[in-house]
Each structure stands twice: as structure tokens, then as C-alpha cells.
Amino acid sequence: MPNVLIRDLDPAVHSVLSARAEARGQSLQQYLTAELTHLAERPTLTEALTELSQRPPRHVPREAILKAIRDGRRGR
């Protein structure tokens, strides 16, 4: 397993992270591993926009668009 070393972390940041880990009943390492895994699973905005730009365009019928506008104005 690869390791990560973070130098020069602000003590206040360390304190907050330690408190959050303790609140979950986890070690700081367990907490940070879970948080980093969660972060890596979510695409960045750039990645999401790139993926969306590569999708083929979808055709939405004009009447469906107008109906959605009318319904929105009526509060439905």
C-alpha cells in the first residue's frame, strides 16, 4: 500500500481532523483514508464537464420544453 506524508499541516487543521476522527470512533489514519477515498471517488468539476461534453447531444421536443416552462410558471 502506498503511503502519504503531509508536512507543515496547520496545527488547527490537525486538531479539527483529529476531533472528527475521534467523533467517528476512528484513528486519524482511518478517518483520513476514508475521506481521501471519498474524495477520489467523486469527479472534479473539470472531469464531470469533460465527460458531459463527450456525450452525444439529446434531442428534447420543442413541445416538451414549452410544457416544462408553462408548468414552472404555474408552480407545478
Protein backbone atom coordinates (compact mmCIF):
# COMPACT_ATOMS: atom_id res chain seq x y z
CA MET A 1 0.00 0.00 0.00
CA PRO A 2 1.27 3.47 -0.84
CA ASN A 3 1.76 5.98 1.95
CA VAL A 4 1.16 9.71 2.07
CA LEU A 5 3.10 12.11 4.27
CA ILE A 6 1.77 15.62 4.80
CA ARG A 7 4.26 18.16 6.10
CA ASP A 8 3.64 21.58 7.60
CA LEU A 9 -0.02 20.97 8.40
CA ASP A 10 -1.52 23.82 10.39
CA PRO A 11 -2.00 22.62 13.99
CA ALA A 12 -5.59 23.91 13.96
CA VAL A 13 -6.36 21.77 10.91
CA HIS A 14 -4.80 18.74 12.59
CA SER A 15 -6.88 19.40 15.70
CA VAL A 16 -10.14 19.57 13.71
CA LEU A 17 -9.35 16.40 11.78
CA SER A 18 -8.37 14.55 14.96
CA ALA A 19 -11.61 15.61 16.64
CA ARG A 20 -13.66 14.43 13.67
CA ALA A 21 -11.87 11.09 13.67
CA GLU A 22 -12.46 10.69 17.40
CA ALA A 23 -16.15 11.56 16.97
CA ARG A 24 -16.43 8.67 14.50
CA GLY A 25 -14.51 6.33 16.76
CA GLN A 26 -11.68 6.10 14.25
CA SER A 27 -7.98 6.72 14.30
CA LEU A 28 -6.81 9.76 12.37
CA GLN A 29 -5.36 7.41 9.75
CA GLN A 30 -8.67 5.55 9.34
CA TYR A 31 -10.59 8.81 9.11
CA LEU A 32 -8.25 10.34 6.53
CA THR A 33 -8.18 7.14 4.47
CA ALA A 34 -11.99 7.15 4.29
CA GLU A 35 -12.12 10.86 3.45
CA LEU A 36 -9.45 10.62 0.76
CA THR A 37 -11.19 7.58 -0.74
CA HIS A 38 -14.47 9.51 -0.84
CA LEU A 39 -12.70 12.49 -2.44
CA ALA A 40 -11.09 10.30 -5.11
CA GLU A 41 -14.43 8.65 -5.98
CA ARG A 42 -16.06 11.97 -6.89
CA PRO A 43 -15.12 13.53 -10.21
CA THR A 44 -13.76 17.05 -10.22
CA LEU A 45 -15.82 19.72 -11.94
CA THR A 46 -13.42 19.61 -14.90
CA GLU A 47 -13.72 15.81 -15.14
CA ALA A 48 -17.52 15.97 -14.97
CA LEU A 49 -17.74 18.70 -17.60
CA THR A 50 -15.36 16.81 -19.88
CA GLU A 51 -17.44 13.65 -19.55
CA LEU A 52 -20.64 15.58 -20.25
CA SER A 53 -19.14 17.26 -23.29
CA GLN A 54 -18.32 13.86 -24.76
CA ARG A 55 -21.90 12.61 -24.54
CA PRO A 56 -23.96 12.77 -27.69
CA PRO A 57 -26.49 15.62 -27.69
CA ARG A 58 -30.02 14.73 -26.64
CA HIS A 59 -32.97 15.97 -28.61
CA VAL A 60 -35.81 17.28 -26.49
CA PRO A 61 -39.00 18.02 -28.41
CA ARG A 62 -39.97 21.69 -28.55
CA GLU A 63 -43.40 20.98 -27.04
CA ALA A 64 -41.83 19.26 -24.02
CA ILE A 65 -39.67 22.33 -23.38
CA LEU A 66 -42.62 24.70 -23.69
CA LYS A 67 -44.74 22.50 -21.39
CA ALA A 68 -41.96 22.50 -18.76
CA ILE A 69 -41.77 26.30 -18.95
CA ARG A 70 -45.56 26.67 -18.62
CA ASP A 71 -45.68 24.19 -15.73
CA GLY A 72 -42.87 26.03 -14.00
CA ARG A 73 -44.68 29.33 -14.30
CA ARG A 74 -47.80 27.74 -12.84
CA GLY A 75 -45.82 26.36 -9.90
CA ARG A 76 -46.20 22.68 -10.72
